[in-house]
Amino acid sequence: MSLIKEQKAKATRVAFGDEILELGKENQDIVVVDADIGGSCKTGKFMSELPNQHINVGIAEQNAAGIAAGLSTTGKVPFVSTYAVFGSLRMGEQVRQEICYPNLNVKIACSHGGLTPATDGGSHQAIEDMGVLRTFPNMKVIMGADYHSTRKLIREASKIYGPVYLRFTRGEIPIIYDENETFEIGKAKHLKNGKDIAIIANGDTLNIAIKAAEKLEELDISVKLLDMHTIKPIDREAILECINIGKIITVEDHNIINGLGSAVSEIVAEEGNGKVRRIGVQDQFGQSAPYEKLLEINGITKENIIDTAKNLMKK
């Protein structure tokens, strides 16, 4: 039976809208700092129901970061909500200097991650965001793989002190987890145990990796499959288990440079053992096209994962 549920697919930005409203009702110190795109980032209900915990700074993302930093020094728990391309790049200096450097309790919650903006084009497709932000000291970097996991990870992020980057999808992605599943920041979810090859995926690519793993097992190739929802701090122990297998494929909706694939490769190189093949955005900007076409252009497909696994098995 497939790990992918038959429930209706949902965008993980919807998970943010639902969870942040619940968290805000539970804790009056939680504040949403919007950059005038609450409709897209799904904070409209929060604004309507908790107006005293909501600030809209307008189209001024850098100001949003500074305001959030200031709020955190008064004991508030601000969630800055914008698009991923703005939250990581336009706000980059402010996030580094005003949030990470003093290690303040600010969460950067961003929709439209990776190629999921699709027809909005390359200017709105954040393919380098997680890589940029994982290089900032004190920052944690997280992307849930479906609606339920994203809600749980947002809640976990609200409990811990310090900067956290949360990345969401614009479009709908399949449901994988049950709503009662538990998640821990920095600990991978083990979905399949296998001995021939390891596949490590995160975010909107996990469902593709699941389909590939299921097909590989039909071909008598035993697959270990991990959901590496946190790429910083990354689960080193889980990767060491994959190194014991010796053949690893990473799958991500992000530039293969400095994202999940690079994070895994760093540990493999330090250990001096194992082969890694990185499947993701091929160090090129996106374009305006349907989401599935953009994935195909970059080889982020079930078929490419299967072919890559077969080639690794020959070595």
C-alpha atoms as a PDB file:
ATOM      1  CA  MET A   1       0.000   0.000   0.000  1.00  0.00           C
ATOM      2  CA  SER A   2       1.342   3.433  -0.918  1.00  0.00           C
ATOM      3  CA  LEU A   3       2.464   5.861   1.770  1.00  0.00           C
ATOM      4  CA  ILE A   4       0.608   8.612  -0.096  1.00  0.00           C
ATOM      5  CA  LYS A   5      -2.885   9.090   1.286  1.00  0.00           C
ATOM      6  CA  GLU A   6      -5.991   9.358  -0.876  1.00  0.00           C
ATOM      7  CA  GLN A   7      -7.049  12.558   0.883  1.00  0.00           C
ATOM      8  CA  LYS A   8      -7.312  15.778  -1.120  1.00  0.00           C
ATOM      9  CA  ALA A   9      -3.937  17.415  -1.678  1.00  0.00           C
ATOM     10  CA  LYS A  10      -3.284  20.703   0.136  1.00  0.00           C
ATOM     11  CA  ALA A  11      -0.708  23.473  -0.149  1.00  0.00           C
ATOM     12  CA  THR A  12       1.493  23.770   2.917  1.00  0.00           C
ATOM     13  CA  ARG A  13       0.868  27.530   3.013  1.00  0.00           C
ATOM     14  CA  VAL A  14      -2.681  26.554   4.013  1.00  0.00           C
ATOM     15  CA  ALA A  15      -1.192  24.580   6.898  1.00  0.00           C
ATOM     16  CA  PHE A  16       0.566  27.746   8.037  1.00  0.00           C
ATOM     17  CA  GLY A  17      -2.638  29.763   7.948  1.00  0.00           C
ATOM     18  CA  ASP A  18      -4.504  27.138   9.964  1.00  0.00           C
ATOM     19  CA  GLU A  19      -1.768  26.461  12.520  1.00  0.00           C
ATOM     20  CA  ILE A  20      -0.711  30.054  13.164  1.00  0.00           C
ATOM     21  CA  LEU A  21      -4.326  30.987  13.928  1.00  0.00           C
ATOM     22  CA  GLU A  22      -4.576  28.164  16.443  1.00  0.00           C
ATOM     23  CA  LEU A  23      -1.232  29.078  18.002  1.00  0.00           C
ATOM     24  CA  GLY A  24      -2.197  32.748  18.189  1.00  0.00           C
ATOM     25  CA  LYS A  25      -5.385  31.915  20.069  1.00  0.00           C
ATOM     26  CA  GLU A  26      -3.399  29.809  22.523  1.00  0.00           C
ATOM     27  CA  ASN A  27      -0.623  32.354  23.068  1.00  0.00           C
ATOM     28  CA  GLN A  28      -1.195  36.111  22.942  1.00  0.00           C
ATOM     29  CA  ASP A  29       2.562  36.697  22.562  1.00  0.00           C
ATOM     30  CA  ILE A  30       2.499  35.211  19.060  1.00  0.00           C
ATOM     31  CA  VAL A  31       2.396  38.010  16.495  1.00  0.00           C
ATOM     32  CA  VAL A  32       2.191  37.850  12.693  1.00  0.00           C
ATOM     33  CA  VAL A  33       4.155  40.514  10.821  1.00  0.00           C
ATOM     34  CA  ASP A  34       2.800  40.628   7.251  1.00  0.00           C
ATOM     35  CA  ALA A  35       4.267  42.281   4.164  1.00  0.00           C
ATOM     36  CA  ASP A  36       0.961  43.046   2.432  1.00  0.00           C
ATOM     37  CA  ILE A  37       0.434  39.576   0.959  1.00  0.00           C
ATOM     38  CA  GLY A  38      -1.672  37.993   3.688  1.00  0.00           C
ATOM     39  CA  GLY A  39      -4.066  36.604   1.084  1.00  0.00           C
ATOM     40  CA  SER A  40      -1.319  34.609  -0.598  1.00  0.00           C
ATOM     41  CA  CYS A  41       0.382  33.614   2.651  1.00  0.00           C
ATOM     42  CA  LYS A  42      -2.926  32.591   4.268  1.00  0.00           C
ATOM     43  CA  THR A  43      -2.791  34.919   7.281  1.00  0.00           C
ATOM     44  CA  GLY A  44      -6.126  36.588   6.509  1.00  0.00           C
ATOM     45  CA  LYS A  45      -8.055  34.699   9.210  1.00  0.00           C
ATOM     46  CA  PHE A  46      -5.381  35.518  11.765  1.00  0.00           C
ATOM     47  CA  MET A  47      -5.668  39.214  10.877  1.00  0.00           C
ATOM     48  CA  SER A  48      -9.475  39.123  11.127  1.00  0.00           C
ATOM     49  CA  GLU A  49      -9.733  37.149  14.346  1.00  0.00           C
ATOM     50  CA  LEU A  50      -6.635  38.416  16.184  1.00  0.00           C
ATOM     51  CA  PRO A  51      -6.154  42.007  14.981  1.00  0.00           C
ATOM     52  CA  ASN A  52      -4.197  42.999  18.090  1.00  0.00           C
ATOM     53  CA  GLN A  53      -1.608  40.328  17.280  1.00  0.00           C
ATOM     54  CA  HIS A  54      -1.189  41.299  13.645  1.00  0.00           C
ATOM     55  CA  ILE A  55       0.944  43.972  11.970  1.00  0.00           C
ATOM     56  CA  ASN A  56       0.954  44.695   8.243  1.00  0.00           C
ATOM     57  CA  VAL A  57       4.051  46.721   7.332  1.00  0.00           C
ATOM     58  CA  GLY A  58       3.114  46.968   3.652  1.00  0.00           C
ATOM     59  CA  ILE A  59       5.490  46.093   0.839  1.00  0.00           C
ATOM     60  CA  ALA A  60       8.521  46.567   3.094  1.00  0.00           C
ATOM     61  CA  GLU A  61      10.013  43.181   3.940  1.00  0.00           C
ATOM     62  CA  GLN A  62      13.223  44.598   5.381  1.00  0.00           C
ATOM     63  CA  ASN A  63      11.174  46.682   7.801  1.00  0.00           C
ATOM     64  CA  ALA A  64       9.205  43.556   8.696  1.00  0.00           C
ATOM     65  CA  ALA A  65      12.415  41.835   9.805  1.00  0.00           C
ATOM     66  CA  GLY A  66      13.483  44.809  11.923  1.00  0.00           C
ATOM     67  CA  ILE A  67      10.062  45.192  13.538  1.00  0.00           C
ATOM     68  CA  ALA A  68       9.963  41.470  14.302  1.00  0.00           C
ATOM     69  CA  ALA A  69      13.418  41.672  15.874  1.00  0.00           C
ATOM     70  CA  GLY A  70      12.278  44.523  18.095  1.00  0.00           C
ATOM     71  CA  LEU A  71       9.090  42.736  19.103  1.00  0.00           C
ATOM     72  CA  SER A  72      11.058  39.655  20.113  1.00  0.00           C
ATOM     73  CA  THR A  73      13.087  41.691  22.621  1.00  0.00           C
ATOM     74  CA  THR A  74       9.839  42.461  24.463  1.00  0.00           C
ATOM     75  CA  GLY A  75       8.916  38.794  24.840  1.00  0.00           C
ATOM     76  CA  LYS A  76       6.755  38.467  21.733  1.00  0.00           C
ATOM     77  CA  VAL A  77       7.131  35.533  19.314  1.00  0.00           C
ATOM     78  CA  PRO A  78       6.879  37.141  15.872  1.00  0.00           C
ATOM     79  CA  PHE A  79       6.283  35.198  12.659  1.00  0.00           C
ATOM     80  CA  VAL A  80       7.306  37.238   9.608  1.00  0.00           C
ATOM     81  CA  SER A  81       5.109  36.119   6.706  1.00  0.00           C
ATOM     82  CA  THR A  82       6.067  36.728   3.080  1.00  0.00           C
ATOM     83  CA  TYR A  83       7.216  34.919  -0.071  1.00  0.00           C
ATOM     84  CA  ALA A  84      10.321  32.762   0.214  1.00  0.00           C
ATOM     85  CA  VAL A  85      12.251  34.751  -2.380  1.00  0.00           C
ATOM     86  CA  PHE A  86      11.726  37.916  -0.301  1.00  0.00           C
ATOM     87  CA  GLY A  87      12.139  36.343   3.135  1.00  0.00           C
ATOM     88  CA  SER A  88      15.530  34.907   2.244  1.00  0.00           C
ATOM     89  CA  LEU A  89      17.000  37.418  -0.208  1.00  0.00           C
ATOM     90  CA  ARG A  90      15.395  40.854   0.135  1.00  0.00           C
ATOM     91  CA  MET A  91      15.430  40.467   3.934  1.00  0.00           C
ATOM     92  CA  GLY A  92      18.754  38.648   3.954  1.00  0.00           C
ATOM     93  CA  GLU A  93      20.894  41.365   5.536  1.00  0.00           C
ATOM     94  CA  GLN A  94      18.288  42.171   8.185  1.00  0.00           C
ATOM     95  CA  VAL A  95      17.791  38.502   9.025  1.00  0.00           C
ATOM     96  CA  ARG A  96      21.545  38.066   9.412  1.00  0.00           C
ATOM     97  CA  GLN A  97      22.328  41.276  11.324  1.00  0.00           C
ATOM     98  CA  GLU A  98      19.156  41.932  13.318  1.00  0.00           C
ATOM     99  CA  ILE A  99      17.819  38.429  13.989  1.00  0.00           C
ATOM    100  CA  CYS A 100      20.541  35.778  13.733  1.00  0.00           C
ATOM    101  CA  TYR A 101      23.512  37.798  15.033  1.00  0.00           C
ATOM    102  CA  PRO A 102      21.774  38.658  18.346  1.00  0.00           C
ATOM    103  CA  ASN A 103      20.013  35.245  18.257  1.00  0.00           C
ATOM    104  CA  LEU A 104      16.491  36.610  18.622  1.00  0.00           C
ATOM    105  CA  ASN A 105      13.299  34.571  18.775  1.00  0.00           C
ATOM    106  CA  VAL A 106      11.939  35.376  15.297  1.00  0.00           C
ATOM    107  CA  LYS A 107      10.355  32.904  12.873  1.00  0.00           C
ATOM    108  CA  ILE A 108      10.526  33.566   9.117  1.00  0.00           C
ATOM    109  CA  ALA A 109       7.490  31.811   7.621  1.00  0.00           C
ATOM    110  CA  CYS A 110       7.562  31.850   3.834  1.00  0.00           C
ATOM    111  CA  SER A 111       5.173  30.657   1.155  1.00  0.00           C
ATOM    112  CA  HIS A 112       5.958  30.066  -2.539  1.00  0.00           C
ATOM    113  CA  GLY A 113       9.129  28.072  -1.891  1.00  0.00           C
ATOM    114  CA  GLY A 114      11.145  26.436  -4.658  1.00  0.00           C
ATOM    115  CA  LEU A 115       9.561  25.988  -8.076  1.00  0.00           C
ATOM    116  CA  THR A 116       6.025  25.925  -6.676  1.00  0.00           C
ATOM    117  CA  PRO A 117       5.213  29.513  -7.826  1.00  0.00           C
ATOM    118  CA  ALA A 118       5.471  27.936 -11.320  1.00  0.00           C
ATOM    119  CA  THR A 119       3.781  30.324 -13.740  1.00  0.00           C
ATOM    120  CA  ASP A 120       4.923  33.355 -11.694  1.00  0.00           C
ATOM    121  CA  GLY A 121       8.339  32.764 -13.255  1.00  0.00           C
ATOM    122  CA  GLY A 122      11.944  32.715 -12.126  1.00  0.00           C
ATOM    123  CA  SER A 123      11.761  36.016 -10.249  1.00  0.00           C
ATOM    124  CA  HIS A 124       9.332  34.503  -7.737  1.00  0.00           C
ATOM    125  CA  GLN A 125      10.789  30.981  -7.537  1.00  0.00           C
ATOM    126  CA  ALA A 126      13.030  30.731  -4.466  1.00  0.00           C
ATOM    127  CA  ILE A 127      15.541  28.073  -5.476  1.00  0.00           C
ATOM    128  CA  GLU A 128      18.389  29.238  -3.209  1.00  0.00           C
ATOM    129  CA  ASP A 129      16.586  30.278  -0.005  1.00  0.00           C
ATOM    130  CA  MET A 130      17.319  27.307   2.251  1.00  0.00           C
ATOM    131  CA  GLY A 131      20.927  27.273   1.111  1.00  0.00           C
ATOM    132  CA  VAL A 132      21.412  30.953   1.881  1.00  0.00           C
ATOM    133  CA  LEU A 133      19.773  30.810   5.283  1.00  0.00           C
ATOM    134  CA  ARG A 134      21.439  27.612   6.452  1.00  0.00           C
ATOM    135  CA  THR A 135      24.757  29.459   6.315  1.00  0.00           C
ATOM    136  CA  PHE A 136      23.550  31.986   8.927  1.00  0.00           C
ATOM    137  CA  PRO A 137      24.655  31.003  12.447  1.00  0.00           C
ATOM    138  CA  ASN A 138      21.777  30.316  14.887  1.00  0.00           C
ATOM    139  CA  MET A 139      19.246  29.764  12.056  1.00  0.00           C
ATOM    140  CA  LYS A 140      17.217  26.565  11.762  1.00  0.00           C
ATOM    141  CA  VAL A 141      15.857  25.642   8.301  1.00  0.00           C
ATOM    142  CA  ILE A 142      12.725  23.513   7.872  1.00  0.00           C
ATOM    143  CA  MET A 143      10.338  22.393   5.127  1.00  0.00           C
ATOM    144  CA  GLY A 144       7.429  20.064   5.814  1.00  0.00           C
ATOM    145  CA  ALA A 145       6.425  17.509   3.204  1.00  0.00           C
ATOM    146  CA  ASP A 146       2.657  17.862   3.466  1.00  0.00           C
ATOM    147  CA  TYR A 147      -0.160  19.664   5.273  1.00  0.00           C
ATOM    148  CA  HIS A 148      -0.052  17.671   8.512  1.00  0.00           C
ATOM    149  CA  SER A 149       3.731  17.562   8.914  1.00  0.00           C
ATOM    150  CA  THR A 150       3.943  21.286   8.218  1.00  0.00           C
ATOM    151  CA  ARG A 151       1.421  22.089  10.933  1.00  0.00           C
ATOM    152  CA  LYS A 152       3.332  19.961  13.436  1.00  0.00           C
ATOM    153  CA  LEU A 153       6.684  21.518  12.502  1.00  0.00           C
ATOM    154  CA  ILE A 154       5.280  25.056  12.793  1.00  0.00           C
ATOM    155  CA  ARG A 155       4.066  24.209  16.285  1.00  0.00           C
ATOM    156  CA  GLU A 156       7.456  22.762  17.218  1.00  0.00           C
ATOM    157  CA  ALA A 157       9.163  25.890  15.871  1.00  0.00           C
ATOM    158  CA  SER A 158       6.951  28.050  18.082  1.00  0.00           C
ATOM    159  CA  LYS A 159       8.171  26.155  21.162  1.00  0.00           C
ATOM    160  CA  ILE A 160      11.904  26.596  20.656  1.00  0.00           C
ATOM    161  CA  TYR A 161      13.899  29.767  21.146  1.00  0.00           C
ATOM    162  CA  GLY A 162      15.787  31.343  18.269  1.00  0.00           C
ATOM    163  CA  PRO A 163      15.557  32.074  14.541  1.00  0.00           C
ATOM    164  CA  VAL A 164      13.719  29.532  12.375  1.00  0.00           C
ATOM    165  CA  TYR A 165      13.051  29.550   8.630  1.00  0.00           C
ATOM    166  CA  LEU A 166       9.883  27.702   7.603  1.00  0.00           C
ATOM    167  CA  ARG A 167       9.286  27.120   3.900  1.00  0.00           C
ATOM    168  CA  PHE A 168       5.864  26.393   2.359  1.00  0.00           C
ATOM    169  CA  THR A 169       4.467  25.509  -1.066  1.00  0.00           C
ATOM    170  CA  ARG A 170       2.216  27.664  -3.164  1.00  0.00           C
ATOM    171  CA  GLY A 171       0.481  24.736  -4.868  1.00  0.00           C
ATOM    172  CA  GLU A 172      -1.228  21.644  -3.552  1.00  0.00           C
ATOM    173  CA  ILE A 173       0.871  18.588  -2.719  1.00  0.00           C
ATOM    174  CA  PRO A 174      -0.270  15.083  -1.679  1.00  0.00           C
ATOM    175  CA  ILE A 175      -0.996  14.106   1.919  1.00  0.00           C
ATOM    176  CA  ILE A 176       1.576  11.659   3.301  1.00  0.00           C
ATOM    177  CA  TYR A 177       1.254  11.739   7.072  1.00  0.00           C
ATOM    178  CA  ASP A 178      -1.569  11.137   9.497  1.00  0.00           C
ATOM    179  CA  GLU A 179      -2.632  14.136  11.546  1.00  0.00           C
ATOM    180  CA  ASN A 180      -1.470  12.341  14.723  1.00  0.00           C
ATOM    181  CA  GLU A 181       2.114  11.820  13.492  1.00  0.00           C
ATOM    182  CA  THR A 182       4.808  13.394  15.670  1.00  0.00           C
ATOM    183  CA  PHE A 183       7.794  15.416  14.451  1.00  0.00           C
ATOM    184  CA  GLU A 184      10.987  16.658  16.046  1.00  0.00           C
ATOM    185  CA  ILE A 185      13.064  19.480  14.608  1.00  0.00           C
ATOM    186  CA  GLY A 186      16.441  18.080  13.567  1.00  0.00           C
ATOM    187  CA  LYS A 187      15.282  14.444  13.431  1.00  0.00           C
ATOM    188  CA  ALA A 188      14.490  12.830  10.073  1.00  0.00           C
ATOM    189  CA  LYS A 189      11.376  10.722   9.583  1.00  0.00           C
ATOM    190  CA  HIS A 190      12.192   7.160   8.528  1.00  0.00           C
ATOM    191  CA  LEU A 191       9.549   6.062   6.017  1.00  0.00           C
ATOM    192  CA  LYS A 192      11.153   2.895   4.657  1.00  0.00           C
ATOM    193  CA  ASN A 193      14.000   0.660   5.768  1.00  0.00           C
ATOM    194  CA  GLY A 194      16.132  -0.883   3.049  1.00  0.00           C
ATOM    195  CA  LYS A 195      19.630  -2.175   2.375  1.00  0.00           C
ATOM    196  CA  ASP A 196      20.428  -1.481  -1.289  1.00  0.00           C
ATOM    197  CA  ILE A 197      20.041   2.270  -1.686  1.00  0.00           C
ATOM    198  CA  ALA A 198      19.060   5.304   0.413  1.00  0.00           C
ATOM    199  CA  ILE A 199      16.837   8.128  -0.810  1.00  0.00           C
ATOM    200  CA  ILE A 200      16.687  11.348   1.212  1.00  0.00           C
ATOM    201  CA  ALA A 201      14.057  13.906   0.233  1.00  0.00           C
ATOM    202  CA  ASN A 202      12.206  16.838   1.734  1.00  0.00           C
ATOM    203  CA  GLY A 203       9.288  19.152   1.129  1.00  0.00           C
ATOM    204  CA  ASP A 204       7.220  18.835  -2.026  1.00  0.00           C
ATOM    205  CA  THR A 205       9.622  16.276  -3.524  1.00  0.00           C
ATOM    206  CA  LEU A 206       9.006  13.639  -0.847  1.00  0.00           C
ATOM    207  CA  ASN A 207       5.886  12.338  -2.582  1.00  0.00           C
ATOM    208  CA  ILE A 208       7.927  11.903  -5.798  1.00  0.00           C
ATOM    209  CA  ALA A 209      10.602  10.019  -3.872  1.00  0.00           C
ATOM    210  CA  ILE A 210       7.935   7.764  -2.350  1.00  0.00           C
ATOM    211  CA  LYS A 211       6.603   6.832  -5.778  1.00  0.00           C
ATOM    212  CA  ALA A 212      10.124   6.094  -7.001  1.00  0.00           C
ATOM    213  CA  ALA A 213      10.923   3.992  -3.931  1.00  0.00           C
ATOM    214  CA  GLU A 214       7.785   1.940  -4.382  1.00  0.00           C
ATOM    215  CA  LYS A 215       8.649   1.259  -8.018  1.00  0.00           C
ATOM    216  CA  LEU A 216      12.242   0.350  -7.135  1.00  0.00           C
ATOM    217  CA  GLU A 217      11.000  -2.163  -4.600  1.00  0.00           C
ATOM    218  CA  GLU A 218       8.885  -3.751  -7.331  1.00  0.00           C
ATOM    219  CA  LEU A 219      12.213  -4.178  -9.153  1.00  0.00           C
ATOM    220  CA  ASP A 220      13.684  -5.928  -6.073  1.00  0.00           C
ATOM    221  CA  ILE A 221      15.809  -2.942  -5.065  1.00  0.00           C
ATOM    222  CA  SER A 222      15.494  -2.417  -1.324  1.00  0.00           C
ATOM    223  CA  VAL A 223      15.147   1.290  -0.433  1.00  0.00           C
ATOM    224  CA  LYS A 224      15.778   3.215   2.757  1.00  0.00           C
ATOM    225  CA  LEU A 225      13.682   6.401   2.525  1.00  0.00           C
ATOM    226  CA  LEU A 226      14.039   9.467   4.746  1.00  0.00           C
ATOM    227  CA  ASP A 227      12.087  12.700   5.028  1.00  0.00           C
ATOM    228  CA  MET A 228      14.812  15.216   5.959  1.00  0.00           C
ATOM    229  CA  HIS A 229      12.383  17.995   6.843  1.00  0.00           C
ATOM    230  CA  THR A 230      15.099  19.860   8.758  1.00  0.00           C
ATOM    231  CA  ILE A 231      18.248  20.618   6.789  1.00  0.00           C
ATOM    232  CA  LYS A 232      19.706  22.639   9.649  1.00  0.00           C
ATOM    233  CA  PRO A 233      20.376  21.197  12.144  1.00  0.00           C
ATOM    234  CA  ILE A 234      20.533  18.134   9.920  1.00  0.00           C
ATOM    235  CA  ASP A 235      20.106  14.641  11.367  1.00  0.00           C
ATOM    236  CA  ARG A 236      23.697  13.408  11.197  1.00  0.00           C
ATOM    237  CA  GLU A 237      22.900  10.018  12.728  1.00  0.00           C
ATOM    238  CA  ALA A 238      20.282   9.291  10.069  1.00  0.00           C
ATOM    239  CA  ILE A 239      22.784  10.154   7.336  1.00  0.00           C
ATOM    240  CA  LEU A 240      25.422   7.917   8.931  1.00  0.00           C
ATOM    241  CA  GLU A 241      22.950   5.026   8.616  1.00  0.00           C
ATOM    242  CA  CYS A 242      22.648   5.839   4.908  1.00  0.00           C
ATOM    243  CA  ILE A 243      26.435   5.925   4.575  1.00  0.00           C
ATOM    244  CA  ASN A 244      26.473   2.337   5.812  1.00  0.00           C
ATOM    245  CA  ILE A 245      24.423   1.486   2.717  1.00  0.00           C
ATOM    246  CA  GLY A 246      26.916   3.460   0.624  1.00  0.00           C
ATOM    247  CA  LYS A 247      24.609   4.660  -2.169  1.00  0.00           C
ATOM    248  CA  ILE A 248      22.562   7.821  -1.530  1.00  0.00           C
ATOM    249  CA  ILE A 249      20.211   9.898  -3.682  1.00  0.00           C
ATOM    250  CA  THR A 250      18.999  13.288  -2.466  1.00  0.00           C
ATOM    251  CA  VAL A 251      15.850  14.856  -3.907  1.00  0.00           C
ATOM    252  CA  GLU A 252      14.852  18.485  -3.390  1.00  0.00           C
ATOM    253  CA  ASP A 253      12.988  21.422  -4.911  1.00  0.00           C
ATOM    254  CA  HIS A 254      16.027  23.680  -4.503  1.00  0.00           C
ATOM    255  CA  ASN A 255      19.296  24.356  -6.248  1.00  0.00           C
ATOM    256  CA  ILE A 256      21.491  21.270  -5.854  1.00  0.00           C
ATOM    257  CA  ILE A 257      24.174  23.709  -4.684  1.00  0.00           C
ATOM    258  CA  ASN A 258      23.999  24.390  -0.935  1.00  0.00           C
ATOM    259  CA  GLY A 259      20.646  22.729  -0.289  1.00  0.00           C
ATOM    260  CA  LEU A 260      19.752  19.277   1.037  1.00  0.00           C
ATOM    261  CA  GLY A 261      22.115  17.499  -1.375  1.00  0.00           C
ATOM    262  CA  SER A 262      25.052  19.630  -0.335  1.00  0.00           C
ATOM    263  CA  ALA A 263      24.252  19.234   3.364  1.00  0.00           C
ATOM    264  CA  VAL A 264      24.203  15.442   2.999  1.00  0.00           C
ATOM    265  CA  SER A 265      27.356  15.445   0.844  1.00  0.00           C
ATOM    266  CA  GLU A 266      29.250  17.418   3.478  1.00  0.00           C
ATOM    267  CA  ILE A 267      28.701  14.678   6.035  1.00  0.00           C
ATOM    268  CA  VAL A 268      29.472  11.911   3.543  1.00  0.00           C
ATOM    269  CA  ALA A 269      32.731  13.673   2.619  1.00  0.00           C
ATOM    270  CA  GLU A 270      33.684  14.092   6.280  1.00  0.00           C
ATOM    271  CA  GLU A 271      33.130  10.388   6.853  1.00  0.00           C
ATOM    272  CA  GLY A 272      35.062   9.522   3.672  1.00  0.00           C
ATOM    273  CA  ASN A 273      32.684   6.856   2.427  1.00  0.00           C
ATOM    274  CA  GLY A 274      29.678   6.484   0.138  1.00  0.00           C
ATOM    275  CA  LYS A 275      28.414   7.875  -3.156  1.00  0.00           C
ATOM    276  CA  VAL A 276      25.852  10.678  -3.436  1.00  0.00           C
ATOM    277  CA  ARG A 277      23.764  11.713  -6.421  1.00  0.00           C
ATOM    278  CA  ARG A 278      21.882  15.019  -6.098  1.00  0.00           C
ATOM    279  CA  ILE A 279      18.531  15.477  -7.815  1.00  0.00           C
ATOM    280  CA  GLY A 280      17.152  19.008  -7.719  1.00  0.00           C
ATOM    281  CA  VAL A 281      17.203  22.313  -9.547  1.00  0.00           C
ATOM    282  CA  GLN A 282      20.214  22.134 -11.856  1.00  0.00           C
ATOM    283  CA  ASP A 283      21.811  25.466 -10.920  1.00  0.00           C
ATOM    284  CA  GLN A 284      19.570  27.345 -13.308  1.00  0.00           C
ATOM    285  CA  PHE A 285      16.802  29.887 -12.883  1.00  0.00           C
ATOM    286  CA  GLY A 286      13.244  28.783 -13.395  1.00  0.00           C
ATOM    287  CA  GLN A 287      10.837  30.095 -15.971  1.00  0.00           C
ATOM    288  CA  SER A 288       7.109  30.571 -16.336  1.00  0.00           C
ATOM    289  CA  ALA A 289       5.690  27.085 -16.839  1.00  0.00           C
ATOM    290  CA  PRO A 290       3.444  24.543 -15.108  1.00  0.00           C
ATOM    291  CA  TYR A 291       4.990  23.178 -11.914  1.00  0.00           C
ATOM    292  CA  GLU A 292       5.241  19.614 -13.218  1.00  0.00           C
ATOM    293  CA  LYS A 293       7.045  20.856 -16.349  1.00  0.00           C
ATOM    294  CA  LEU A 294       9.582  22.740 -14.248  1.00  0.00           C
ATOM    295  CA  LEU A 295      10.238  19.588 -12.222  1.00  0.00           C
ATOM    296  CA  GLU A 296      10.692  17.636 -15.462  1.00  0.00           C
ATOM    297  CA  ILE A 297      13.138  20.208 -16.873  1.00  0.00           C
ATOM    298  CA  ASN A 298      15.295  19.728 -13.774  1.00  0.00           C
ATOM    299  CA  GLY A 299      14.988  15.942 -13.599  1.00  0.00           C
ATOM    300  CA  ILE A 300      12.981  16.012 -10.370  1.00  0.00           C
ATOM    301  CA  THR A 301      10.869  13.063 -11.460  1.00  0.00           C
ATOM    302  CA  LYS A 302      10.087   9.534 -10.397  1.00  0.00           C
ATOM    303  CA  GLU A 303      11.679   8.246 -13.587  1.00  0.00           C
ATOM    304  CA  ASN A 304      14.960  10.071 -13.037  1.00  0.00           C
ATOM    305  CA  ILE A 305      15.182   8.870  -9.434  1.00  0.00           C
ATOM    306  CA  ILE A 306      14.659   5.287 -10.640  1.00  0.00           C
ATOM    307  CA  ASP A 307      17.258   5.611 -13.405  1.00  0.00           C
ATOM    308  CA  THR A 308      19.742   7.206 -11.003  1.00  0.00           C
ATOM    309  CA  ALA A 309      19.226   4.380  -8.526  1.00  0.00           C
ATOM    310  CA  LYS A 310      19.717   1.726 -11.216  1.00  0.00           C
ATOM    311  CA  ASN A 311      22.976   3.369 -12.335  1.00  0.00           C
ATOM    312  CA  LEU A 312      24.234   3.558  -8.775  1.00  0.00           C
ATOM    313  CA  MET A 313      23.451  -0.112  -8.268  1.00  0.00           C
ATOM    314  CA  LYS A 314      25.728  -0.961 -11.202  1.00  0.00           C
ATOM    315  CA  LYS A 315      28.732   0.766  -9.590  1.00  0.00           C
END
